[in-house]
Amino acid sequence: MKFLIIAPALFLSNIVAQAANLNAVTNDPESGIYLTASDYKNKQLHLAGDQSTNNKLRLNDFLGGRTLTMSHNGEDHKFSKDGIYGYRDKDGSDYRLYKSNSAKYKILENGAVVIYKAEQTGNKQTGFKPLVQYYFSNGVAGDVHLLSLANLERTFKGQPAFDIIDANFQTDSDLIKYDEYHQQFRINRLLAKL
């Protein structure tokens, strides 16, 4: 009698485990390197691959390492961080490397302005929680600046975008408001109307 109860339970748990495994394989995003801003814009990954190609990315961040290593099909490829635009990690998130060997900016949205997020290690004052700051660039190849009203107004001075920013945003924290309905940052939704 116990066998009749245990056998179906084992069978069902095996099916659930196989389904979860199948899901993990089909949802495995590609990772790789963006050599240029144009590559990022056109979504052309160099050394693109997933788990089947054994893609592994090592940022070599220890002591401000100047290179990153991409293992692809068992072969290591080294890149100078200041010689490439960025990379896509194994989770499918895109990052831009900009001017500093250790600075990596997660690309949150590529719209009228490109919006990035960067995290720094927390300290005693923050309870060791990571410090999150938001940045922007005017286009994928533009300079990266802290996302602030002053920086946006300086970047778009004398352009129609300046008037939209001035009329719709009062504080720096207003700039990171996300429009859930339109699935984009509010600033990009407003600037897209130009």
N, C-alpha and C. Protein backbone atom coordinates (compact mmCIF):
# COMPACT_ATOMS: atom_id res chain seq x y z
N MET A 1 0.82 -1.19 0.00
CA MET A 1 0.00 0.00 0.00
C MET A 1 0.87 1.26 0.00
N LYS A 2 1.93 1.26 0.83
CA LYS A 2 2.82 2.42 0.87
C LYS A 2 3.44 2.68 -0.49
N PHE A 3 3.77 1.58 -1.20
CA PHE A 3 4.39 1.70 -2.52
C PHE A 3 3.45 2.43 -3.49
N LEU A 4 2.15 2.14 -3.40
CA LEU A 4 1.18 2.76 -4.29
C LEU A 4 1.06 4.26 -4.04
N ILE A 5 1.34 4.70 -2.85
CA ILE A 5 1.28 6.13 -2.52
C ILE A 5 2.59 6.82 -2.87
N ILE A 6 3.70 6.18 -2.59
CA ILE A 6 5.02 6.79 -2.80
C ILE A 6 5.39 6.84 -4.28
N ALA A 7 5.09 5.81 -5.04
CA ALA A 7 5.48 5.74 -6.45
C ALA A 7 4.91 6.91 -7.26
N PRO A 8 3.60 7.21 -7.17
CA PRO A 8 3.10 8.36 -7.94
C PRO A 8 3.72 9.69 -7.48
N ALA A 9 3.99 9.84 -6.19
CA ALA A 9 4.60 11.07 -5.69
C ALA A 9 6.00 11.24 -6.28
N LEU A 10 6.77 10.17 -6.31
CA LEU A 10 8.11 10.23 -6.90
C LEU A 10 8.04 10.53 -8.39
N PHE A 11 7.08 9.91 -9.07
CA PHE A 11 6.91 10.13 -10.50
C PHE A 11 6.59 11.61 -10.78
N LEU A 12 5.65 12.18 -10.02
CA LEU A 12 5.27 13.58 -10.20
C LEU A 12 6.43 14.53 -9.88
N SER A 13 7.17 14.25 -8.82
CA SER A 13 8.30 15.13 -8.48
C SER A 13 9.36 15.07 -9.56
N ASN A 14 9.55 13.92 -10.20
CA ASN A 14 10.50 13.79 -11.30
C ASN A 14 10.05 14.62 -12.50
N ILE A 15 8.76 14.60 -12.81
CA ILE A 15 8.22 15.40 -13.92
C ILE A 15 8.39 16.88 -13.64
N VAL A 16 8.11 17.32 -12.43
CA VAL A 16 8.27 18.73 -12.06
C VAL A 16 9.73 19.15 -12.19
N ALA A 17 10.65 18.32 -11.74
CA ALA A 17 12.08 18.63 -11.84
C ALA A 17 12.52 18.72 -13.28
N GLN A 18 12.03 17.83 -14.14
CA GLN A 18 12.39 17.87 -15.56
C GLN A 18 11.82 19.12 -16.22
N ALA A 19 10.61 19.51 -15.88
CA ALA A 19 10.01 20.72 -16.44
C ALA A 19 10.79 21.95 -16.01
N ALA A 20 11.22 22.00 -14.77
CA ALA A 20 12.01 23.14 -14.29
C ALA A 20 13.34 23.19 -15.03
N ASN A 21 13.96 22.05 -15.26
CA ASN A 21 15.21 21.97 -16.01
C ASN A 21 15.02 22.45 -17.43
N LEU A 22 13.94 22.03 -18.07
CA LEU A 22 13.65 22.44 -19.43
C LEU A 22 13.45 23.94 -19.50
N ASN A 23 12.75 24.50 -18.53
CA ASN A 23 12.55 25.94 -18.47
C ASN A 23 13.86 26.69 -18.36
N ALA A 24 14.76 26.21 -17.53
CA ALA A 24 16.05 26.87 -17.33
C ALA A 24 16.84 26.91 -18.62
N VAL A 25 16.79 25.86 -19.41
CA VAL A 25 17.55 25.82 -20.65
C VAL A 25 16.94 26.76 -21.69
N THR A 26 15.62 26.77 -21.82
CA THR A 26 14.99 27.60 -22.84
C THR A 26 15.03 29.07 -22.48
N ASN A 27 15.18 29.42 -21.21
CA ASN A 27 15.23 30.82 -20.81
C ASN A 27 16.65 31.32 -20.61
N ASP A 28 17.65 30.57 -21.06
CA ASP A 28 19.05 30.95 -20.89
C ASP A 28 19.39 32.04 -21.90
N PRO A 29 19.57 33.29 -21.46
CA PRO A 29 19.86 34.37 -22.41
C PRO A 29 21.30 34.31 -22.91
N GLU A 30 21.51 34.93 -24.04
CA GLU A 30 22.87 35.02 -24.59
C GLU A 30 23.67 36.04 -23.80
N SER A 31 24.96 35.78 -23.68
CA SER A 31 25.89 36.74 -23.11
C SER A 31 26.94 37.00 -24.17
N GLY A 32 27.73 38.05 -23.97
CA GLY A 32 28.79 38.36 -24.93
C GLY A 32 29.32 39.76 -24.74
N ILE A 33 30.07 40.23 -25.71
CA ILE A 33 30.76 41.52 -25.65
C ILE A 33 30.22 42.44 -26.74
N TYR A 34 30.02 43.72 -26.39
CA TYR A 34 29.72 44.76 -27.38
C TYR A 34 31.03 45.50 -27.62
N LEU A 35 31.60 45.35 -28.80
CA LEU A 35 32.87 46.00 -29.08
C LEU A 35 32.70 47.51 -29.23
N THR A 36 31.59 47.95 -29.84
CA THR A 36 31.37 49.38 -30.10
C THR A 36 29.95 49.78 -29.70
N ALA A 37 29.71 51.09 -29.65
CA ALA A 37 28.36 51.60 -29.38
C ALA A 37 27.40 51.15 -30.48
N SER A 38 27.89 51.10 -31.71
CA SER A 38 27.08 50.65 -32.83
C SER A 38 26.68 49.18 -32.65
N ASP A 39 27.59 48.36 -32.13
CA ASP A 39 27.25 46.96 -31.85
C ASP A 39 26.12 46.88 -30.83
N TYR A 40 26.20 47.72 -29.79
CA TYR A 40 25.13 47.70 -28.78
C TYR A 40 23.81 48.14 -29.41
N LYS A 41 23.86 49.22 -30.17
CA LYS A 41 22.66 49.76 -30.79
C LYS A 41 21.99 48.72 -31.71
N ASN A 42 22.81 47.94 -32.42
CA ASN A 42 22.30 46.93 -33.34
C ASN A 42 22.17 45.54 -32.70
N LYS A 43 22.43 45.46 -31.37
CA LYS A 43 22.35 44.21 -30.61
C LYS A 43 23.21 43.10 -31.22
N GLN A 44 24.44 43.46 -31.63
CA GLN A 44 25.38 42.50 -32.20
C GLN A 44 26.44 42.15 -31.16
N LEU A 45 26.29 40.99 -30.56
CA LEU A 45 27.21 40.52 -29.54
C LEU A 45 28.38 39.78 -30.17
N HIS A 46 29.59 40.09 -29.73
CA HIS A 46 30.80 39.38 -30.13
C HIS A 46 30.97 38.22 -29.14
N LEU A 47 31.32 37.05 -29.63
CA LEU A 47 31.45 35.84 -28.81
C LEU A 47 30.13 35.53 -28.09
N ALA A 48 29.03 35.70 -28.81
CA ALA A 48 27.71 35.45 -28.23
C ALA A 48 27.54 33.98 -27.92
N GLY A 49 26.91 33.70 -26.81
CA GLY A 49 26.65 32.32 -26.44
C GLY A 49 25.86 32.22 -25.16
N ASP A 50 25.53 30.99 -24.82
CA ASP A 50 24.78 30.72 -23.60
C ASP A 50 25.44 29.56 -22.88
N GLN A 51 24.69 28.85 -22.08
CA GLN A 51 25.28 27.72 -21.33
C GLN A 51 25.85 26.65 -22.25
N SER A 52 25.25 26.46 -23.43
CA SER A 52 25.73 25.42 -24.33
C SER A 52 27.13 25.74 -24.88
N THR A 53 27.49 27.01 -24.94
CA THR A 53 28.83 27.39 -25.40
C THR A 53 29.76 27.67 -24.22
N ASN A 54 29.26 27.40 -23.02
CA ASN A 54 30.04 27.62 -21.79
C ASN A 54 30.55 29.05 -21.67
N ASN A 55 29.73 30.03 -22.07
CA ASN A 55 30.13 31.43 -21.93
C ASN A 55 30.26 31.80 -20.46
N LYS A 56 31.40 32.34 -20.11
CA LYS A 56 31.65 32.82 -18.75
C LYS A 56 32.41 34.12 -18.86
N LEU A 57 31.95 35.12 -18.13
CA LEU A 57 32.56 36.45 -18.15
C LEU A 57 33.22 36.71 -16.81
N ARG A 58 34.48 37.10 -16.83
CA ARG A 58 35.21 37.49 -15.63
C ARG A 58 35.63 38.95 -15.80
N LEU A 59 35.18 39.80 -14.88
CA LEU A 59 35.46 41.23 -14.99
C LEU A 59 36.84 41.62 -14.47
N ASN A 60 37.48 40.73 -13.72
CA ASN A 60 38.81 41.03 -13.19
C ASN A 60 38.84 42.39 -12.47
N ASP A 61 37.86 42.63 -11.61
CA ASP A 61 37.73 43.91 -10.91
C ASP A 61 38.70 44.10 -9.76
N PHE A 62 39.33 43.03 -9.31
CA PHE A 62 40.21 43.12 -8.16
C PHE A 62 41.33 44.12 -8.45
N LEU A 63 41.51 45.09 -7.57
CA LEU A 63 42.54 46.13 -7.69
C LEU A 63 42.45 46.89 -9.01
N GLY A 64 41.23 47.15 -9.46
CA GLY A 64 41.03 47.98 -10.66
C GLY A 64 41.55 47.34 -11.93
N GLY A 65 41.35 46.05 -12.10
CA GLY A 65 41.83 45.35 -13.29
C GLY A 65 41.40 46.03 -14.57
N ARG A 66 42.30 46.07 -15.53
CA ARG A 66 42.05 46.77 -16.79
C ARG A 66 41.49 45.88 -17.89
N THR A 67 41.35 44.59 -17.60
CA THR A 67 40.87 43.67 -18.63
C THR A 67 39.67 42.89 -18.13
N LEU A 68 38.94 42.33 -19.08
CA LEU A 68 37.92 41.34 -18.75
C LEU A 68 38.17 40.14 -19.63
N THR A 69 37.73 38.99 -19.19
CA THR A 69 37.97 37.75 -19.91
C THR A 69 36.63 37.10 -20.21
N MET A 70 36.45 36.71 -21.47
CA MET A 70 35.26 35.97 -21.88
C MET A 70 35.71 34.58 -22.28
N SER A 71 35.21 33.58 -21.55
CA SER A 71 35.46 32.18 -21.93
C SER A 71 34.34 31.76 -22.85
N HIS A 72 34.70 31.31 -24.03
CA HIS A 72 33.72 30.93 -25.05
C HIS A 72 34.17 29.62 -25.67
N ASN A 73 33.34 28.59 -25.55
CA ASN A 73 33.68 27.25 -26.05
C ASN A 73 35.02 26.77 -25.51
N GLY A 74 35.28 27.06 -24.23
CA GLY A 74 36.48 26.59 -23.58
C GLY A 74 37.74 27.39 -23.88
N GLU A 75 37.63 28.45 -24.65
CA GLU A 75 38.78 29.28 -25.00
C GLU A 75 38.62 30.67 -24.38
N ASP A 76 39.69 31.16 -23.73
CA ASP A 76 39.66 32.48 -23.09
C ASP A 76 40.03 33.58 -24.08
N HIS A 77 39.25 34.67 -24.05
CA HIS A 77 39.50 35.85 -24.88
C HIS A 77 39.58 37.05 -23.95
N LYS A 78 40.72 37.78 -23.97
CA LYS A 78 40.89 38.94 -23.10
C LYS A 78 40.61 40.22 -23.88
N PHE A 79 39.97 41.17 -23.18
CA PHE A 79 39.65 42.47 -23.77
C PHE A 79 40.08 43.56 -22.80
N SER A 80 40.62 44.63 -23.33
CA SER A 80 40.91 45.81 -22.52
C SER A 80 39.57 46.50 -22.26
N LYS A 81 39.30 46.82 -21.02
CA LYS A 81 38.01 47.43 -20.68
C LYS A 81 37.81 48.78 -21.36
N ASP A 82 38.90 49.51 -21.58
CA ASP A 82 38.73 50.81 -22.23
C ASP A 82 38.71 50.68 -23.76
N GLY A 83 38.78 49.45 -24.27
CA GLY A 83 38.74 49.24 -25.71
C GLY A 83 37.43 48.67 -26.22
N ILE A 84 36.47 48.44 -25.33
CA ILE A 84 35.17 47.91 -25.74
C ILE A 84 34.06 48.79 -25.17
N TYR A 85 32.88 48.66 -25.75
CA TYR A 85 31.74 49.44 -25.28
C TYR A 85 31.14 48.85 -24.01
N GLY A 86 30.93 47.53 -23.99
CA GLY A 86 30.30 46.92 -22.84
C GLY A 86 30.08 45.44 -23.04
N TYR A 87 29.14 44.89 -22.29
CA TYR A 87 28.89 43.46 -22.34
C TYR A 87 27.47 43.14 -21.91
N ARG A 88 27.03 41.93 -22.23
CA ARG A 88 25.77 41.38 -21.72
C ARG A 88 26.14 40.21 -20.83
N ASP A 89 25.62 40.22 -19.60
CA ASP A 89 25.94 39.14 -18.67
C ASP A 89 25.03 37.93 -18.87
N LYS A 90 25.28 36.88 -18.10
CA LYS A 90 24.53 35.62 -18.25
C LYS A 90 23.05 35.77 -17.91
N ASP A 91 22.67 36.86 -17.23
CA ASP A 91 21.27 37.10 -16.89
C ASP A 91 20.56 37.90 -17.98
N GLY A 92 21.30 38.32 -19.02
CA GLY A 92 20.70 39.09 -20.11
C GLY A 92 20.70 40.59 -19.87
N SER A 93 21.40 41.07 -18.84
CA SER A 93 21.50 42.51 -18.57
C SER A 93 22.68 43.09 -19.33
N ASP A 94 22.46 44.27 -19.93
CA ASP A 94 23.51 44.95 -20.67
C ASP A 94 24.21 45.98 -19.78
N TYR A 95 25.54 46.08 -19.93
CA TYR A 95 26.35 47.02 -19.17
C TYR A 95 27.24 47.81 -20.11
N ARG A 96 27.47 49.06 -19.76
CA ARG A 96 28.41 49.90 -20.49
C ARG A 96 29.61 50.15 -19.60
N LEU A 97 30.79 50.05 -20.19
CA LEU A 97 32.03 50.40 -19.48
C LEU A 97 32.38 51.81 -19.94
N TYR A 98 32.70 52.67 -19.00
CA TYR A 98 32.91 54.06 -19.38
C TYR A 98 34.03 54.68 -18.57
N LYS A 99 35.10 55.02 -19.21
CA LYS A 99 36.24 55.79 -18.71
C LYS A 99 37.00 55.24 -17.51
N SER A 100 36.44 54.38 -16.74
CA SER A 100 37.14 53.87 -15.57
C SER A 100 37.18 52.36 -15.65
N ASN A 101 38.29 51.79 -15.28
CA ASN A 101 38.41 50.35 -15.35
C ASN A 101 37.41 49.63 -14.46
N SER A 102 36.98 50.26 -13.38
CA SER A 102 36.08 49.57 -12.47
C SER A 102 34.63 50.05 -12.58
N ALA A 103 34.37 51.08 -13.39
CA ALA A 103 33.00 51.60 -13.49
C ALA A 103 32.22 50.83 -14.54
N LYS A 104 31.12 50.23 -14.10
CA LYS A 104 30.21 49.56 -15.02
C LYS A 104 28.82 50.12 -14.78
N TYR A 105 28.16 50.46 -15.85
CA TYR A 105 26.85 51.07 -15.78
C TYR A 105 25.83 50.12 -16.40
N LYS A 106 24.88 49.69 -15.59
CA LYS A 106 23.82 48.81 -16.09
C LYS A 106 22.86 49.66 -16.91
N ILE A 107 22.61 49.25 -18.14
CA ILE A 107 21.71 50.00 -19.02
C ILE A 107 20.28 49.60 -18.68
N LEU A 108 19.55 50.56 -18.15
CA LEU A 108 18.16 50.31 -17.77
C LEU A 108 17.20 50.57 -18.92
N GLU A 109 17.52 51.61 -19.71
CA GLU A 109 16.61 51.96 -20.80
C GLU A 109 17.35 52.75 -21.86
N ASN A 110 17.09 52.41 -23.10
CA ASN A 110 17.69 53.12 -24.23
C ASN A 110 16.56 53.83 -24.95
N GLY A 111 16.35 55.08 -24.57
CA GLY A 111 15.28 55.88 -25.16
C GLY A 111 15.85 57.19 -25.67
N ALA A 112 15.07 58.27 -25.51
CA ALA A 112 15.56 59.59 -25.90
C ALA A 112 16.88 59.89 -25.18
N VAL A 113 16.95 59.45 -23.94
CA VAL A 113 18.23 59.43 -23.21
C VAL A 113 18.44 58.00 -22.75
N VAL A 114 19.71 57.59 -22.66
CA VAL A 114 20.02 56.26 -22.16
C VAL A 114 20.16 56.40 -20.65
N ILE A 115 19.44 55.58 -19.91
CA ILE A 115 19.46 55.65 -18.45
C ILE A 115 20.20 54.43 -17.90
N TYR A 116 21.13 54.72 -17.00
CA TYR A 116 21.99 53.70 -16.41
C TYR A 116 21.82 53.69 -14.89
N LYS A 117 22.24 52.57 -14.30
CA LYS A 117 22.30 52.46 -12.85
C LYS A 117 23.68 51.91 -12.49
N ALA A 118 24.28 52.48 -11.46
CA ALA A 118 25.56 51.98 -10.97
C ALA A 118 25.46 51.79 -9.47
N GLU A 119 26.03 50.70 -8.99
CA GLU A 119 26.02 50.40 -7.56
C GLU A 119 27.43 50.45 -7.03
N GLN A 120 27.56 51.03 -5.84
CA GLN A 120 28.84 51.04 -5.14
C GLN A 120 28.64 50.35 -3.80
N THR A 121 29.70 49.81 -3.29
CA THR A 121 29.64 49.13 -2.01
C THR A 121 29.21 50.11 -0.92
N GLY A 122 28.31 49.66 -0.07
CA GLY A 122 27.84 50.48 1.03
C GLY A 122 28.87 50.62 2.13
N ASN A 123 28.56 51.48 3.08
CA ASN A 123 29.46 51.70 4.22
C ASN A 123 28.65 51.68 5.52
N LYS A 124 29.29 52.04 6.62
CA LYS A 124 28.60 52.03 7.91
C LYS A 124 27.35 52.91 7.90
N GLN A 125 27.47 54.07 7.27
CA GLN A 125 26.35 55.03 7.26
C GLN A 125 25.12 54.48 6.54
N THR A 126 25.32 53.60 5.55
CA THR A 126 24.19 53.03 4.81
C THR A 126 23.81 51.65 5.30
N GLY A 127 24.41 51.23 6.41
CA GLY A 127 24.14 49.89 6.91
C GLY A 127 24.70 48.82 5.97
N PHE A 128 25.73 49.18 5.24
CA PHE A 128 26.40 48.30 4.28
C PHE A 128 25.50 47.88 3.12
N LYS A 129 24.41 48.63 2.91
CA LYS A 129 23.58 48.42 1.72
C LYS A 129 24.27 49.11 0.54
N PRO A 130 24.17 48.54 -0.65
CA PRO A 130 24.81 49.17 -1.81
C PRO A 130 24.24 50.57 -2.06
N LEU A 131 25.10 51.47 -2.49
CA LEU A 131 24.68 52.80 -2.87
C LEU A 131 24.34 52.78 -4.35
N VAL A 132 23.12 53.18 -4.69
CA VAL A 132 22.66 53.16 -6.07
C VAL A 132 22.58 54.59 -6.58
N GLN A 133 23.19 54.81 -7.74
CA GLN A 133 23.10 56.12 -8.39
C GLN A 133 22.68 55.92 -9.83
N TYR A 134 21.96 56.91 -10.36
CA TYR A 134 21.46 56.85 -11.73
C TYR A 134 22.24 57.83 -12.58
N TYR A 135 22.45 57.43 -13.83
CA TYR A 135 23.22 58.22 -14.78
C TYR A 135 22.47 58.27 -16.10
N PHE A 136 22.92 59.14 -17.01
CA PHE A 136 22.32 59.20 -18.34
C PHE A 136 23.38 59.56 -19.37
N SER A 137 23.06 59.28 -20.61
CA SER A 137 23.85 59.79 -21.73
C SER A 137 22.89 60.19 -22.84
N ASN A 138 23.31 61.14 -23.65
CA ASN A 138 22.52 61.58 -24.78
C ASN A 138 22.91 60.69 -25.96
N GLY A 139 22.21 59.58 -26.12
CA GLY A 139 22.55 58.59 -27.13
C GLY A 139 23.46 57.52 -26.55
N VAL A 140 23.59 56.39 -27.25
CA VAL A 140 24.36 55.28 -26.71
C VAL A 140 25.85 55.57 -26.65
N ALA A 141 26.34 56.50 -27.47
CA ALA A 141 27.77 56.81 -27.47
C ALA A 141 28.09 58.11 -26.72
N GLY A 142 27.08 58.77 -26.16
CA GLY A 142 27.29 60.04 -25.46
C GLY A 142 28.02 59.86 -24.14
N ASP A 143 28.54 60.97 -23.64
CA ASP A 143 29.21 60.95 -22.34
C ASP A 143 28.20 60.61 -21.25
N VAL A 144 28.68 59.89 -20.23
CA VAL A 144 27.83 59.48 -19.11
C VAL A 144 27.92 60.54 -18.02
N HIS A 145 26.75 61.01 -17.56
CA HIS A 145 26.66 62.03 -16.51
C HIS A 145 25.71 61.55 -15.42
N LEU A 146 25.91 62.04 -14.22
CA LEU A 146 24.97 61.79 -13.14
C LEU A 146 23.60 62.32 -13.55
N LEU A 147 22.55 61.55 -13.33
CA LEU A 147 21.20 61.96 -13.72
C LEU A 147 20.71 63.02 -12.74
N SER A 148 20.81 64.27 -13.17
CA SER A 148 20.36 65.39 -12.34
C SER A 148 19.76 66.45 -13.26
N LEU A 149 18.92 67.30 -12.69
CA LEU A 149 18.32 68.38 -13.48
C LEU A 149 19.40 69.28 -14.06
N ALA A 150 20.38 69.62 -13.25
CA ALA A 150 21.45 70.51 -13.72
C ALA A 150 22.19 69.91 -14.91
N ASN A 151 22.53 68.62 -14.84
CA ASN A 151 23.25 67.98 -15.95
C ASN A 151 22.39 67.84 -17.20
N LEU A 152 21.11 67.51 -17.03
CA LEU A 152 20.21 67.42 -18.19
C LEU A 152 20.02 68.78 -18.84
N GLU A 153 19.83 69.81 -18.03
CA GLU A 153 19.63 71.14 -18.58
C GLU A 153 20.89 71.64 -19.29
N ARG A 154 22.05 71.29 -18.77
CA ARG A 154 23.32 71.66 -19.42
C ARG A 154 23.46 70.92 -20.75
N THR A 155 23.07 69.65 -20.78
CA THR A 155 23.19 68.84 -22.00
C THR A 155 22.23 69.30 -23.09
N PHE A 156 21.02 69.68 -22.70
CA PHE A 156 19.99 70.02 -23.69
C PHE A 156 19.71 71.52 -23.81
N LYS A 157 20.59 72.34 -23.29
CA LYS A 157 20.40 73.80 -23.35
C LYS A 157 20.21 74.26 -24.79
N GLY A 158 19.17 75.08 -25.00
CA GLY A 158 18.88 75.61 -26.33
C GLY A 158 18.14 74.64 -27.24
N GLN A 159 17.73 73.49 -26.72
CA GLN A 159 17.00 72.50 -27.51
C GLN A 159 15.59 72.36 -26.95
N PRO A 160 14.64 71.88 -27.76
CA PRO A 160 13.27 71.70 -27.25
C PRO A 160 13.19 70.79 -26.02
N ALA A 161 14.10 69.83 -25.90
CA ALA A 161 14.10 68.93 -24.75
C ALA A 161 14.28 69.71 -23.44
N PHE A 162 15.03 70.80 -23.50
CA PHE A 162 15.27 71.63 -22.32
C PHE A 162 13.94 72.12 -21.74
N ASP A 163 13.04 72.59 -22.60
CA ASP A 163 11.75 73.12 -22.15
C ASP A 163 10.89 72.02 -21.51
N ILE A 164 10.92 70.83 -22.07
CA ILE A 164 10.14 69.71 -21.52
C ILE A 164 10.67 69.34 -20.14
N ILE A 165 11.98 69.25 -20.02
CA ILE A 165 12.60 68.91 -18.73
C ILE A 165 12.27 69.97 -17.69
N ASP A 166 12.42 71.23 -18.07
CA ASP A 166 12.18 72.34 -17.15
C ASP A 166 10.72 72.40 -16.69
N ALA A 167 9.78 72.08 -17.59
CA ALA A 167 8.36 72.18 -17.26
C ALA A 167 7.84 70.98 -16.46
N ASN A 168 8.49 69.82 -16.56
CA ASN A 168 7.91 68.60 -15.99
C ASN A 168 8.64 68.01 -14.80
N PHE A 169 9.84 68.49 -14.49
CA PHE A 169 10.62 67.91 -13.41
C PHE A 169 11.09 68.99 -12.45
N GLN A 170 10.80 68.79 -11.17
CA GLN A 170 11.14 69.80 -10.16
C GLN A 170 12.38 69.42 -9.35
N THR A 171 12.57 68.09 -9.14
CA THR A 171 13.70 67.63 -8.33
C THR A 171 14.43 66.50 -9.06
N ASP A 172 15.64 66.22 -8.61
CA ASP A 172 16.41 65.13 -9.21
C ASP A 172 15.70 63.79 -9.05
N SER A 173 15.03 63.58 -7.92
CA SER A 173 14.35 62.30 -7.70
C SER A 173 13.16 62.12 -8.64
N ASP A 174 12.60 63.21 -9.19
CA ASP A 174 11.52 63.09 -10.18
C ASP A 174 12.02 62.40 -11.45
N LEU A 175 13.30 62.50 -11.72
CA LEU A 175 13.87 61.99 -12.97
C LEU A 175 13.89 60.47 -13.05
N ILE A 176 13.84 59.79 -11.91
CA ILE A 176 13.89 58.33 -11.95
C ILE A 176 12.51 57.69 -11.81
N LYS A 177 11.48 58.49 -11.96
CA LYS A 177 10.12 57.95 -11.88
C LYS A 177 9.83 57.12 -13.14
N TYR A 178 9.27 55.94 -12.89
CA TYR A 178 9.00 54.99 -13.96
C TYR A 178 7.50 54.98 -14.24
N ASP A 179 7.13 55.05 -15.50
CA ASP A 179 5.74 55.02 -15.93
C ASP A 179 5.36 53.56 -16.18
N GLU A 180 4.70 52.94 -15.21
CA GLU A 180 4.34 51.52 -15.29
C GLU A 180 3.41 51.25 -16.48
N TYR A 181 2.51 52.17 -16.75
CA TYR A 181 1.55 51.95 -17.84
C TYR A 181 2.26 51.87 -19.19
N HIS A 182 3.19 52.79 -19.45
CA HIS A 182 3.91 52.82 -20.72
C HIS A 182 5.20 51.99 -20.70
N GLN A 183 5.53 51.43 -19.55
CA GLN A 183 6.71 50.59 -19.38
C GLN A 183 8.00 51.30 -19.79
N GLN A 184 8.15 52.54 -19.31
CA GLN A 184 9.38 53.28 -19.56
C GLN A 184 9.52 54.41 -18.55
N PHE A 185 10.73 54.94 -18.45
CA PHE A 185 10.94 56.06 -17.56
C PHE A 185 10.15 57.26 -18.08
N ARG A 186 9.61 58.02 -17.18
CA ARG A 186 8.76 59.16 -17.53
C ARG A 186 9.50 60.16 -18.42
N ILE A 187 10.78 60.40 -18.12
CA ILE A 187 11.54 61.38 -18.92
C ILE A 187 11.62 60.93 -20.39
N ASN A 188 11.84 59.65 -20.62
CA ASN A 188 11.92 59.16 -22.00
C ASN A 188 10.56 59.21 -22.69
N ARG A 189 9.51 58.97 -21.95
CA ARG A 189 8.17 59.05 -22.55
C ARG A 189 7.87 60.47 -23.00
N LEU A 190 8.23 61.45 -22.16
CA LEU A 190 7.99 62.86 -22.51
C LEU A 190 8.88 63.33 -23.65
N LEU A 191 10.16 62.93 -23.62
CA LEU A 191 11.09 63.37 -24.67
C LEU A 191 10.82 62.67 -26.01
N ALA A 192 10.17 61.52 -25.97
CA ALA A 192 9.85 60.80 -27.21
C ALA A 192 8.83 61.57 -28.06
N LYS A 193 8.12 62.50 -27.47
CA LYS A 193 7.12 63.28 -28.19
C LYS A 193 7.74 64.33 -29.09
N LEU A 194 9.03 64.56 -28.95
CA LEU A 194 9.70 65.58 -29.79
C LEU A 194 9.86 65.11 -31.21
